[in-house]
């Protein structure tokens, strides 16, 4: 169980670090074209790295050595630190909420990325930062955190207070889950109705020319929304359910692996458009090979067979990140550059 926690959390840290690296590269190159979607994913990744590293990767190493738990070499200070960063993980759920809220406002309520940035984005960043610090700080005023099964948890509070505290946190996760699901359904419905409306006002020839493009773009939007929401369910909701099955230890191991894998799933979704774009421009390469190239770059070989991808084929960060939209109200946002920059469209997520 401990080994699985460290392996899967390492992948999560790697995934979130890659997202941060890509966003930083964009910020360093031209920060004026860094859109809300990319900043949201950067914040999401920061909280995931802290949560995955201190709670899942370090794991029992931070538990007081007096507990006798496997690998425990810590003390009271490290235990409090681990518990703090564990409950700071609520920031990841709040960023998932922010991501879904952005999708909902842009697509269903016809907001532009600029409007979202001006009215909500920075307020949400500040709100998440405050909540993610206040929530894990509360147990420190009631005796701190203590080790439970090799990990540190908020159990020093008065019994009733600890239960209320945890109920509030899990209720928050439930609300976020329902909101994300509702947002996805609403966006699906909006895209579908928009397609129907466009079909009504086009001639037969125009419909034939544009239908394939619209259908493809619609499916791409829907797939992206589904993947982000699904990753949240897989890495938070399903593990919570598994943890309640206290009589099945195997489910606890699966829950640990899923809890600590969020960053890797987010990375897969974040760079998926980029990989698909590269695959389209370089036929004959599998999507898995394109993922390896985008992540590691350079020449990739599988056995004796080379994919033929050379570093001279390098894909710029802007290529394929995001998607176009047929939401007419997004037209005020800067159009794509001649070099294929589609980063501004990413806010449509």
Protein backbone atom coordinates (compact mmCIF):
# COMPACT_ATOMS: atom_id res chain seq x y z
CA UNK A 1 0.00 0.00 0.00
CA UNK A 2 2.80 2.43 0.90
CA UNK A 3 4.68 1.62 -2.31
CA UNK A 4 1.57 2.21 -4.43
CA UNK A 5 1.02 5.58 -2.77
CA UNK A 6 4.53 6.74 -3.60
CA UNK A 7 4.48 5.48 -7.19
CA UNK A 8 1.11 6.98 -8.12
CA UNK A 9 1.75 10.26 -6.32
CA UNK A 10 5.03 10.57 -8.26
CA UNK A 11 3.09 10.42 -11.51
CA UNK A 12 0.65 13.03 -10.21
CA UNK A 13 3.48 15.37 -9.22
CA UNK A 14 5.09 14.88 -12.62
CA UNK A 15 1.82 15.66 -14.42
CA UNK A 16 1.09 18.81 -12.44
CA UNK A 17 4.69 19.95 -12.79
CA UNK A 18 4.45 19.61 -16.57
CA UNK A 19 1.30 21.74 -16.63
CA UNK A 20 3.06 24.39 -14.54
CA UNK A 21 6.10 24.26 -16.84
CA UNK A 22 3.97 24.74 -19.95
CA UNK A 23 2.02 27.61 -18.42
CA UNK A 24 5.23 29.24 -17.18
CA UNK A 25 6.72 28.97 -20.65
CA UNK A 26 3.68 30.70 -22.06
CA UNK A 27 3.79 33.37 -19.34
CA UNK A 28 7.47 33.99 -19.94
CA UNK A 29 7.04 34.18 -23.72
CA UNK A 30 3.98 36.45 -23.84
CA UNK A 31 2.07 36.87 -20.60
CA UNK A 32 -0.58 39.02 -22.30
CA UNK A 33 -1.85 35.94 -24.12
CA UNK A 34 -2.04 33.75 -21.01
CA UNK A 35 -5.74 33.08 -20.68
CA UNK A 36 -7.89 32.28 -17.59
CA UNK A 37 -8.03 28.56 -18.40
CA UNK A 38 -4.25 28.25 -18.24
CA UNK A 39 -4.03 30.25 -15.02
CA UNK A 40 -6.75 28.11 -13.44
CA UNK A 41 -4.88 24.94 -14.38
CA UNK A 42 -1.66 26.41 -12.98
CA UNK A 43 -3.35 27.07 -9.62
CA UNK A 44 -4.94 23.63 -9.74
CA UNK A 45 -1.51 22.09 -10.30
CA UNK A 46 0.16 23.99 -7.44
CA UNK A 47 -2.32 22.62 -4.91
CA UNK A 48 -2.09 19.13 -6.38
CA UNK A 49 1.71 19.12 -6.07
CA UNK A 50 1.59 20.19 -2.41
CA UNK A 51 -1.17 17.71 -1.60
CA UNK A 52 0.41 14.79 -3.47
CA UNK A 53 3.94 15.38 -2.21
CA UNK A 54 3.36 15.99 1.50
CA UNK A 55 0.52 13.55 2.04
CA UNK A 56 0.87 10.73 -0.47
CA UNK A 57 4.53 10.69 -1.48
CA UNK A 58 6.09 11.39 1.93
CA UNK A 59 3.26 9.42 3.54
CA UNK A 60 4.26 7.47 6.62
CA UNK A 61 7.73 9.04 6.60
CA UNK A 62 6.20 12.12 8.25
CA UNK A 63 4.42 10.15 10.99
CA UNK A 64 6.10 10.22 14.43
CA UNK A 65 8.60 7.37 14.68
CA UNK A 66 7.10 6.45 18.06
CA UNK A 67 4.05 5.08 16.25
CA UNK A 68 6.12 2.17 14.93
CA UNK A 69 4.39 2.46 11.56
CA UNK A 70 6.33 1.22 8.54
CA UNK A 71 8.81 3.95 7.48
CA UNK A 72 7.78 6.42 10.20
CA UNK A 73 10.70 8.74 10.97
CA UNK A 74 8.92 12.02 11.72
CA UNK A 75 7.74 13.88 14.80
CA UNK A 76 4.84 16.06 15.94
CA UNK A 77 5.90 18.95 13.70
CA UNK A 78 6.07 16.84 10.55
CA UNK A 79 2.75 15.23 11.46
CA UNK A 80 1.08 18.63 11.75
CA UNK A 81 2.66 19.66 8.47
CA UNK A 82 1.32 16.60 6.69
CA UNK A 83 -2.18 17.04 8.09
CA UNK A 84 -2.12 20.70 7.06
CA UNK A 85 -1.26 19.93 3.43
CA UNK A 86 -3.75 17.07 3.33
CA UNK A 87 -6.66 19.36 4.14
CA UNK A 88 -5.16 22.01 1.88
CA UNK A 89 -6.06 19.55 -0.88
CA UNK A 90 -9.52 21.11 -0.77
CA UNK A 91 -7.96 23.72 -3.05
CA UNK A 92 -7.86 21.18 -5.88
CA UNK A 93 -11.61 20.58 -5.58
CA UNK A 94 -12.25 24.32 -5.52
CA UNK A 95 -10.21 24.79 -8.68
CA UNK A 96 -12.25 22.03 -10.32
CA UNK A 97 -15.31 24.08 -9.37
CA UNK A 98 -13.70 27.19 -10.89
CA UNK A 99 -12.89 25.32 -14.08
CA UNK A 100 -16.47 24.11 -14.45
CA UNK A 101 -17.82 27.56 -13.61
CA UNK A 102 -15.69 29.09 -16.35
CA UNK A 103 -16.93 26.54 -18.88
CA UNK A 104 -20.52 27.22 -17.88
CA UNK A 105 -20.25 31.00 -18.11
CA UNK A 106 -18.37 31.06 -21.41
CA UNK A 107 -20.49 28.57 -23.29
CA UNK A 108 -23.95 28.71 -21.71
CA UNK A 109 -24.13 32.33 -20.52
CA UNK A 110 -22.11 33.78 -23.43
CA UNK A 111 -19.40 35.39 -21.32
CA UNK A 112 -16.10 36.24 -22.94
CA UNK A 113 -12.73 35.23 -21.46
CA UNK A 114 -12.00 38.91 -20.85
CA UNK A 115 -15.23 39.34 -18.90
CA UNK A 116 -14.53 36.26 -16.79
CA UNK A 117 -11.02 37.52 -16.11
CA UNK A 118 -12.24 40.99 -15.19
CA UNK A 119 -15.20 40.06 -12.98
CA UNK A 120 -14.41 36.72 -11.37
CA UNK A 121 -11.08 35.07 -12.03
CA UNK A 122 -8.76 36.92 -9.64
CA UNK A 123 -11.40 37.04 -6.91
CA UNK A 124 -11.74 33.26 -7.17
CA UNK A 125 -7.96 32.77 -6.98
CA UNK A 126 -7.86 34.86 -3.80
CA UNK A 127 -10.90 33.12 -2.29
CA UNK A 128 -9.44 29.66 -2.93
CA UNK A 129 -6.11 30.70 -1.43
CA UNK A 130 -7.75 31.96 1.76
CA UNK A 131 -10.02 28.93 2.21
CA UNK A 132 -7.18 26.50 1.46
CA UNK A 133 -5.16 28.06 4.30
CA UNK A 134 -7.94 28.64 6.84
CA UNK A 135 -9.49 25.16 6.64
CA UNK A 136 -6.31 23.17 7.44
CA UNK A 137 -5.29 25.74 10.08
CA UNK A 138 -8.35 25.18 12.29
CA UNK A 139 -7.23 21.81 13.74
CA UNK A 140 -3.95 23.41 14.83
CA UNK A 141 -5.90 25.39 17.43
CA UNK A 142 -7.39 22.19 18.87
CA UNK A 143 -4.27 20.16 19.49
CA UNK A 144 -3.10 19.66 15.93
CA UNK A 145 -3.04 16.47 13.91
CA UNK A 146 -2.32 12.92 15.07
CA UNK A 147 -1.28 9.81 13.11
CA UNK A 148 -3.93 7.33 12.06
CA UNK A 149 -2.83 4.24 10.14
CA UNK A 150 0.48 5.88 9.33
CA UNK A 151 -1.01 9.16 8.06
CA UNK A 152 -1.81 12.29 10.06
CA UNK A 153 -5.43 13.37 10.41
CA UNK A 154 -7.48 15.96 12.31
CA UNK A 155 -8.61 13.78 15.20
CA UNK A 156 -7.41 15.72 18.23
CA UNK A 157 -10.44 18.02 18.22
CA UNK A 158 -13.37 17.30 20.54
CA UNK A 159 -15.18 14.33 19.02
CA UNK A 160 -18.29 16.25 18.00
CA UNK A 161 -16.21 19.11 16.59
CA UNK A 162 -14.05 16.80 14.49
CA UNK A 163 -17.15 15.15 13.05
CA UNK A 164 -18.77 18.49 12.20
CA UNK A 165 -15.51 19.64 10.63
CA UNK A 166 -15.29 16.60 8.38
CA UNK A 167 -18.99 16.71 7.52
CA UNK A 168 -18.60 20.28 6.30
CA UNK A 169 -15.62 19.29 4.14
CA UNK A 170 -17.36 16.27 2.60
CA UNK A 171 -20.53 18.31 2.09
CA UNK A 172 -18.42 20.83 0.19
CA UNK A 173 -17.08 18.05 -2.03
CA UNK A 174 -20.64 16.86 -2.64
CA UNK A 175 -21.76 20.34 -3.67
CA UNK A 176 -18.76 20.75 -5.98
CA UNK A 177 -19.45 17.36 -7.55
CA UNK A 178 -23.09 18.22 -8.21
CA UNK A 179 -22.18 21.62 -9.61
CA UNK A 180 -19.53 20.17 -11.95
CA UNK A 181 -22.00 17.58 -13.19
CA UNK A 182 -24.70 20.20 -13.72
CA UNK A 183 -22.28 22.49 -15.52
CA UNK A 184 -21.23 19.70 -17.88
CA UNK A 185 -24.85 18.83 -18.68
CA UNK A 186 -25.69 22.49 -19.26
CA UNK A 187 -22.75 22.98 -21.62
CA UNK A 188 -23.68 19.80 -23.51
CA UNK A 189 -27.21 21.09 -23.92
CA UNK A 190 -26.06 24.55 -25.05
CA UNK A 191 -23.72 23.13 -27.68
CA UNK A 192 -26.44 20.82 -28.98
CA UNK A 193 -29.04 23.58 -29.23
CA UNK A 194 -26.54 25.87 -30.92
CA UNK A 195 -25.89 23.22 -33.56
CA UNK A 196 -29.61 22.83 -34.18
CA UNK A 197 -30.08 26.57 -34.51
CA UNK A 198 -27.20 26.91 -36.96
CA UNK A 199 -28.63 24.12 -39.11
CA UNK A 200 -31.91 26.00 -39.44
CA UNK A 201 -30.33 29.15 -40.91
CA UNK A 202 -27.95 27.57 -43.37
CA UNK A 203 -28.54 26.64 -46.95
CA UNK A 204 -28.07 23.03 -47.90
CA UNK A 205 -24.66 23.70 -49.47
CA UNK A 206 -23.44 25.67 -46.46
CA UNK A 207 -24.73 22.96 -44.16
CA UNK A 208 -22.83 20.30 -46.06
CA UNK A 209 -19.60 22.32 -45.95
CA UNK A 210 -19.74 23.28 -42.30
CA UNK A 211 -21.59 20.42 -40.65
CA UNK A 212 -18.53 18.19 -40.41
CA UNK A 213 -16.45 20.96 -38.82
CA UNK A 214 -19.18 21.90 -36.34
CA UNK A 215 -19.81 18.29 -35.37
CA UNK A 216 -16.10 17.71 -34.86
CA UNK A 217 -15.68 20.85 -32.76
CA UNK A 218 -18.75 20.03 -30.70
CA UNK A 219 -17.48 16.55 -29.95
CA UNK A 220 -14.10 17.95 -29.00
CA UNK A 221 -15.63 20.40 -26.51
CA UNK A 222 -17.86 17.74 -25.04
CA UNK A 223 -14.98 15.28 -24.74
CA UNK A 224 -12.80 17.82 -22.94
CA UNK A 225 -15.51 18.69 -20.45
CA UNK A 226 -16.26 15.05 -19.86
CA UNK A 227 -12.60 14.19 -19.29
CA UNK A 228 -12.00 16.91 -16.71
CA UNK A 229 -15.19 16.10 -14.82
CA UNK A 230 -14.49 12.38 -15.04
CA UNK A 231 -10.98 12.81 -13.67
CA UNK A 232 -12.46 14.63 -10.68
CA UNK A 233 -14.93 11.82 -10.06
CA UNK A 234 -12.28 9.14 -10.50
CA UNK A 235 -9.76 10.80 -8.18
CA UNK A 236 -12.11 12.12 -5.48
CA UNK A 237 -15.65 10.75 -5.48
CA UNK A 238 -14.92 7.09 -6.22
CA UNK A 239 -12.07 6.88 -3.66
CA UNK A 240 -14.32 8.43 -1.00
CA UNK A 241 -16.88 5.71 -1.68
CA UNK A 242 -14.20 3.04 -1.54
CA UNK A 243 -12.91 4.36 1.78
CA UNK A 244 -16.34 3.86 3.30
CA UNK A 245 -16.05 0.15 2.51
CA UNK A 246 -14.00 -0.37 5.66
CA UNK A 247 -14.32 -4.15 5.49
CA UNK A 248 -12.55 -4.40 2.10
CA UNK A 249 -8.84 -3.52 2.47
CA UNK A 250 -8.22 -3.98 -1.26
CA UNK A 251 -10.57 -1.08 -2.00
CA UNK A 252 -8.55 1.11 0.35
CA UNK A 253 -5.44 0.45 -1.74
CA UNK A 254 -7.34 1.35 -4.93
CA UNK A 255 -8.66 4.50 -3.24
CA UNK A 256 -5.13 5.53 -2.24
CA UNK A 257 -3.92 5.12 -5.82
CA UNK A 258 -6.81 7.14 -7.27
CA UNK A 259 -6.57 9.89 -4.65
CA UNK A 260 -2.93 10.46 -5.57
CA UNK A 261 -3.33 10.36 -9.36
CA UNK A 262 -5.25 13.58 -10.10
CA UNK A 263 -2.30 15.54 -11.49
CA UNK A 264 -1.48 12.87 -14.05
CA UNK A 265 -5.06 12.73 -15.32
CA UNK A 266 -5.16 16.53 -15.59
CA UNK A 267 -1.94 16.50 -17.59
CA UNK A 268 -3.40 13.97 -20.04
CA UNK A 269 -6.43 16.18 -20.64
CA UNK A 270 -4.44 19.43 -20.73
CA UNK A 271 -2.05 18.37 -23.48
CA UNK A 272 -4.51 16.15 -25.37
CA UNK A 273 -5.36 18.82 -28.02
CA UNK A 274 -1.67 19.37 -28.56
CA UNK A 275 -1.06 15.65 -29.04
CA UNK A 276 -3.99 15.27 -31.42
CA UNK A 277 -2.80 18.25 -33.44
CA UNK A 278 0.66 16.77 -33.71
CA UNK A 279 -0.76 13.40 -34.69
CA UNK A 280 -2.84 15.05 -37.41
CA UNK A 281 0.21 16.82 -38.82
CA UNK A 282 2.35 13.66 -38.60
CA UNK A 283 0.18 10.74 -39.77
CA UNK A 284 1.22 7.24 -38.85
CA UNK A 285 2.05 7.90 -35.22
CA UNK A 286 -0.13 6.58 -32.43
CA UNK A 287 -1.61 8.94 -29.86
CA UNK A 288 0.50 7.26 -27.16
CA UNK A 289 3.67 7.99 -29.14
CA UNK A 290 2.59 11.62 -29.56
CA UNK A 291 2.09 11.87 -25.80
CA UNK A 292 5.61 10.59 -25.21
CA UNK A 293 6.97 13.10 -27.69
CA UNK A 294 5.08 16.06 -26.26
CA UNK A 295 6.16 15.16 -22.72
CA UNK A 296 9.78 14.19 -23.36
CA UNK A 297 10.57 15.55 -26.82
CA UNK A 298 13.19 14.26 -29.20
CA UNK A 299 13.52 10.85 -30.84
CA UNK A 300 11.35 8.10 -29.38
CA UNK A 301 11.95 4.40 -30.03
CA UNK A 302 9.78 1.45 -29.24
CA UNK A 303 11.96 -1.66 -29.42
CA UNK A 304 13.84 -1.42 -32.73
CA UNK A 305 11.25 0.81 -34.36
CA UNK A 306 11.61 4.58 -34.26
CA UNK A 307 8.57 6.83 -34.39
CA UNK A 308 10.51 9.12 -36.67
CA UNK A 309 9.78 12.12 -34.49
CA UNK A 310 12.75 14.44 -34.49
CA UNK A 311 13.44 17.42 -32.32
CA UNK A 312 13.22 19.63 -35.40
CA UNK A 313 9.50 18.77 -35.43
CA UNK A 314 9.07 20.36 -32.01
CA UNK A 315 5.59 21.58 -31.27
CA UNK A 316 5.30 25.03 -29.77
CA UNK A 317 3.33 25.34 -26.56
CA UNK A 318 0.60 27.30 -28.30
CA UNK A 319 -0.15 24.60 -30.85
CA UNK A 320 -3.37 22.77 -30.22
CA UNK A 321 -3.97 23.95 -26.66
CA UNK A 322 -7.68 24.56 -26.44
CA UNK A 323 -10.30 24.60 -29.13
CA UNK A 324 -12.22 26.95 -31.32
CA UNK A 325 -15.77 27.85 -30.46
CA UNK A 326 -18.93 28.65 -32.32
CA UNK A 327 -20.11 30.87 -29.49
CA UNK A 328 -20.54 34.23 -31.28
CA UNK A 329 -20.00 36.23 -28.10
CA UNK A 330 -16.40 35.06 -27.85
CA UNK A 331 -15.42 36.90 -31.00
CA UNK A 332 -14.06 39.89 -29.08
CA UNK A 333 -11.22 37.73 -27.79
CA UNK A 334 -8.05 37.93 -29.98
CA UNK A 335 -8.08 35.62 -32.96
CA UNK A 336 -5.53 32.90 -33.62
CA UNK A 337 -2.14 33.96 -34.87
CA UNK A 338 -0.72 32.87 -38.19
CA UNK A 339 1.65 30.51 -36.42
CA UNK A 340 -1.26 28.38 -35.24
CA UNK A 341 -1.65 29.85 -31.76
CA UNK A 342 -4.94 28.61 -30.38
CA UNK A 343 -4.17 29.33 -26.75
CA UNK A 344 -6.79 32.07 -26.50
CA UNK A 345 -9.49 29.56 -27.28
CA UNK A 346 -8.53 27.46 -24.31
CA UNK A 347 -10.68 29.60 -22.08
CA UNK A 348 -13.65 27.94 -23.74
CA UNK A 349 -12.89 24.99 -21.48
